[in-house]
Protein backbone atom coordinates (compact mmCIF):
# COMPACT_ATOMS: atom_id res chain seq x y z
CA MET A 1 217.70 95.30 59.77
CA SER A 2 216.03 98.66 60.08
CA HIS A 3 217.16 101.90 58.53
CA ASP A 4 215.63 105.31 59.04
CA ALA A 5 214.44 107.50 56.23
CA ASP A 6 217.31 109.39 54.71
CA SER A 7 218.02 113.11 54.76
CA ARG A 8 215.91 113.60 51.62
CA GLY A 9 212.84 112.79 53.68
CA ARG A 10 212.12 109.51 51.95
CA PRO A 11 212.71 105.89 52.89
CA ALA A 12 216.05 104.38 51.89
CA LEU A 13 216.24 103.07 48.31
CA VAL A 14 217.53 99.51 48.41
CA ALA A 15 218.29 97.21 45.49
CA VAL A 16 217.65 93.54 46.25
CA VAL A 17 219.28 91.35 43.62
CA ALA A 18 220.55 87.84 42.96
CA MET A 19 223.31 87.86 40.39
CA ALA A 20 225.90 85.48 39.05
CA GLU A 21 229.63 86.10 39.43
CA ASN A 22 229.62 87.63 35.92
CA GLY A 23 226.78 90.07 36.76
CA VAL A 24 224.07 88.10 34.93
CA ILE A 25 220.64 88.40 36.57
CA GLY A 26 218.47 86.83 33.89
CA ARG A 27 218.15 84.92 30.65
CA ASP A 28 215.05 84.74 28.46
CA GLY A 29 212.83 86.21 31.20
CA ALA A 30 213.99 83.87 33.96
CA MET A 31 216.86 83.38 36.39
CA PRO A 32 219.45 80.97 34.93
CA TRP A 33 219.74 79.09 38.25
CA SER A 34 217.49 77.67 40.91
CA VAL A 35 218.29 78.74 44.47
CA PRO A 36 215.08 78.33 46.53
CA SER A 37 216.91 79.23 49.74
CA ASP A 38 217.57 82.72 48.32
CA LEU A 39 213.88 83.16 47.48
CA LYS A 40 213.16 82.81 51.22
CA ARG A 41 215.74 85.55 51.94
CA TYR A 42 214.16 87.71 49.21
CA ARG A 43 210.75 87.35 50.85
CA SER A 44 212.09 88.38 54.27
CA LEU A 45 214.01 91.36 52.82
CA THR A 46 211.03 92.69 50.86
CA MET A 47 208.00 91.86 53.00
CA GLY A 48 205.90 94.89 53.99
CA LYS A 49 207.73 97.22 51.60
CA PRO A 50 206.85 98.86 48.30
CA MET A 51 208.74 97.34 45.39
CA ILE A 52 209.57 98.98 42.07
CA MET A 53 210.13 96.60 39.17
CA GLY A 54 209.81 96.43 35.42
CA ARG A 55 207.01 94.72 33.52
CA LYS A 56 209.29 91.87 32.38
CA THR A 57 210.32 91.18 35.98
CA LEU A 58 206.68 91.07 37.09
CA GLU A 59 205.86 88.74 34.20
CA SER A 60 208.76 86.45 35.15
CA ILE A 61 207.45 86.28 38.76
CA GLY A 62 203.99 85.53 37.36
CA ARG A 63 201.95 87.35 40.02
CA VAL A 64 201.86 90.27 42.42
CA LEU A 65 203.69 89.25 45.59
CA ASP A 66 201.66 89.18 48.81
CA GLY A 67 202.37 91.64 51.62
CA ARG A 68 204.16 94.10 49.34
CA ASP A 69 203.12 96.89 46.99
CA THR A 70 204.16 96.12 43.41
CA ILE A 71 204.86 99.28 41.43
CA VAL A 72 205.60 98.49 37.80
CA LEU A 73 207.67 100.95 35.82
CA THR A 74 206.48 100.49 32.24
CA ARG A 75 205.60 102.40 29.09
CA SER A 76 202.39 100.36 28.88
CA ALA A 77 199.19 101.72 30.40
CA SER A 78 198.40 98.35 31.96
CA VAL A 79 200.06 95.24 33.35
CA PRO A 80 198.80 91.65 33.21
CA PHE A 81 198.26 91.19 36.96
CA ASP A 82 195.58 92.67 39.21
CA GLY A 83 196.99 94.58 42.14
CA ALA A 84 200.04 95.96 40.35
CA ILE A 85 200.36 99.74 40.30
CA VAL A 86 201.56 101.27 37.01
CA ALA A 87 204.10 104.12 36.86
CA ASP A 88 205.37 105.65 33.62
CA SER A 89 208.64 107.19 34.88
CA PRO A 90 211.21 106.58 37.62
CA GLU A 91 210.03 109.78 39.34
CA ALA A 92 206.37 108.66 39.30
CA ALA A 93 207.36 105.20 40.59
CA LEU A 94 209.41 106.76 43.39
CA ALA A 95 206.57 109.11 44.36
CA LEU A 96 204.09 106.19 44.49
CA ALA A 97 206.55 104.03 46.46
CA THR A 98 207.24 106.84 48.95
CA GLU A 99 203.49 107.30 49.52
CA ARG A 100 203.02 103.52 49.97
CA ALA A 101 206.01 103.31 52.34
CA LYS A 102 204.52 106.03 54.55
CA THR A 103 201.16 104.22 54.58
CA ARG A 104 202.85 100.93 55.50
CA GLY A 105 205.33 102.47 57.95
CA ALA A 106 208.17 101.03 55.83
CA ASP A 107 211.62 102.61 56.04
CA GLU A 108 212.83 101.12 52.75
CA ILE A 109 211.72 101.07 49.13
CA VAL A 110 212.92 98.01 47.22
CA ILE A 111 214.23 98.29 43.68
CA ALA A 112 213.53 94.77 42.42
CA GLY A 113 214.80 94.71 38.83
CA GLY A 114 215.37 93.90 36.11
CA GLY A 115 218.50 95.27 34.54
CA GLU A 116 216.94 98.42 33.04
CA ILE A 117 215.22 99.28 36.33
CA TYR A 118 218.41 98.79 38.36
CA ARG A 119 220.26 101.07 35.91
CA ALA A 120 217.51 103.71 36.12
CA PHE A 121 217.86 103.91 39.93
CA MET A 122 221.56 103.07 40.45
CA ASP A 123 222.61 106.69 41.06
CA ARG A 124 219.84 107.10 43.67
CA LEU A 125 220.31 103.85 45.60
CA ASP A 126 221.40 103.96 49.23
CA ARG A 127 222.08 100.26 49.74
CA LEU A 128 222.61 97.07 47.74
CA LEU A 129 221.51 93.69 49.12
CA VAL A 130 223.26 91.22 46.83
CA THR A 131 223.14 87.46 46.66
CA GLU A 132 226.03 86.37 44.46
CA ILE A 133 225.38 83.00 42.86
CA ALA A 134 228.51 80.86 42.37
CA ALA A 135 227.99 80.47 38.62
CA ALA A 136 228.73 82.38 35.42
CA PRO A 137 225.82 81.59 33.06
CA GLU A 138 225.07 83.24 29.75
CA GLY A 139 222.34 85.86 30.08
CA ASP A 140 220.62 88.83 28.52
CA ALA A 141 220.05 90.88 31.69
CA VAL A 142 222.88 92.11 33.91
CA PHE A 143 223.25 94.13 37.09
CA PRO A 144 225.26 97.35 36.72
CA PRO A 145 228.88 97.09 37.94
CA ILE A 146 229.35 97.81 41.66
CA ASP A 147 232.03 100.52 41.73
CA PRO A 148 234.13 100.22 44.94
CA ALA A 149 234.79 103.97 44.80
CA LEU A 150 231.03 104.50 45.30
CA TRP A 151 230.05 101.42 47.33
CA GLU A 152 231.48 100.03 50.55
CA LYS A 153 230.92 96.35 51.35
CA VAL A 154 229.74 96.36 54.98
CA PHE A 155 228.72 92.70 55.30
CA GLU A 156 229.52 89.42 53.62
CA ALA A 157 228.75 85.83 54.54
CA PRO A 158 228.29 82.54 52.75
CA ALA A 159 224.64 81.60 52.42
CA GLU A 160 223.58 78.21 53.66
CA ARG A 161 223.09 76.06 50.58
CA GLY A 162 219.75 74.29 50.50
CA GLU A 163 219.51 70.76 49.16
CA ARG A 164 217.51 71.99 46.13
CA ASP A 165 219.87 74.90 45.32
CA SER A 166 221.64 74.51 41.96
CA ALA A 167 224.62 76.58 43.16
CA ALA A 168 226.25 77.93 46.29
CA SER A 169 225.85 81.64 47.06
CA ARG A 170 227.14 84.51 49.22
CA PHE A 171 225.12 87.38 50.66
CA ARG A 172 226.63 90.87 50.65
CA ILE A 173 225.46 94.28 51.79
CA TYR A 174 226.90 97.44 50.26
CA GLU A 175 226.32 101.00 51.53
CA ARG A 176 226.81 104.05 49.33
CA ARG A 177 229.99 105.86 50.31
CA ALA A 178 229.66 109.45 51.48
CA ALA A 179 230.44 111.98 48.76
CA GLY A 180 234.16 112.65 48.72
CA ALA A 181 234.97 109.54 50.76
CA GLY A 182 237.52 108.52 48.16
CA SER A 183 238.56 105.13 46.96
CA PRO A 184 238.90 102.08 49.17
CA PRO A 185 242.38 101.05 50.29
CA ALA A 186 244.25 98.93 47.74
């Protein structure tokens, strides 16, 4: 799926997230499920693109991901993994990601979490790529609510469940509604 840079002259801002039915995205620095088939989707959705994430998300991944620029939004001056690029504000992270996207020829910038990072960019996002995990675990990190007055679901399909997946899942794509588009039909 390819999307052109938006009218602001920057690549589209896209959140890529796996979340439970109750909005939980993490617990104690990890995902409270194991869905390896979704990790393959995540790789294909993010490959070749700059990614903005928080320090805790990078630490939970345990390394900088290959084939992608990892921009870490953190108050710290350093991060524990070589190859990560540090930004101290959402604006600085976005400027770095826009520069990296142009260098790579990428038409999207991925917002990769966690909860605080998603909240920091929610009002700027153009698209949400959501894997909903069929579970409702306890957690300490959540994805912001997806307001149907602001977001239109443009695609939904069940994901093929792999034999090692701890839960079934669905993949959804949401596009930001045009300003003044109103609420969805009841």
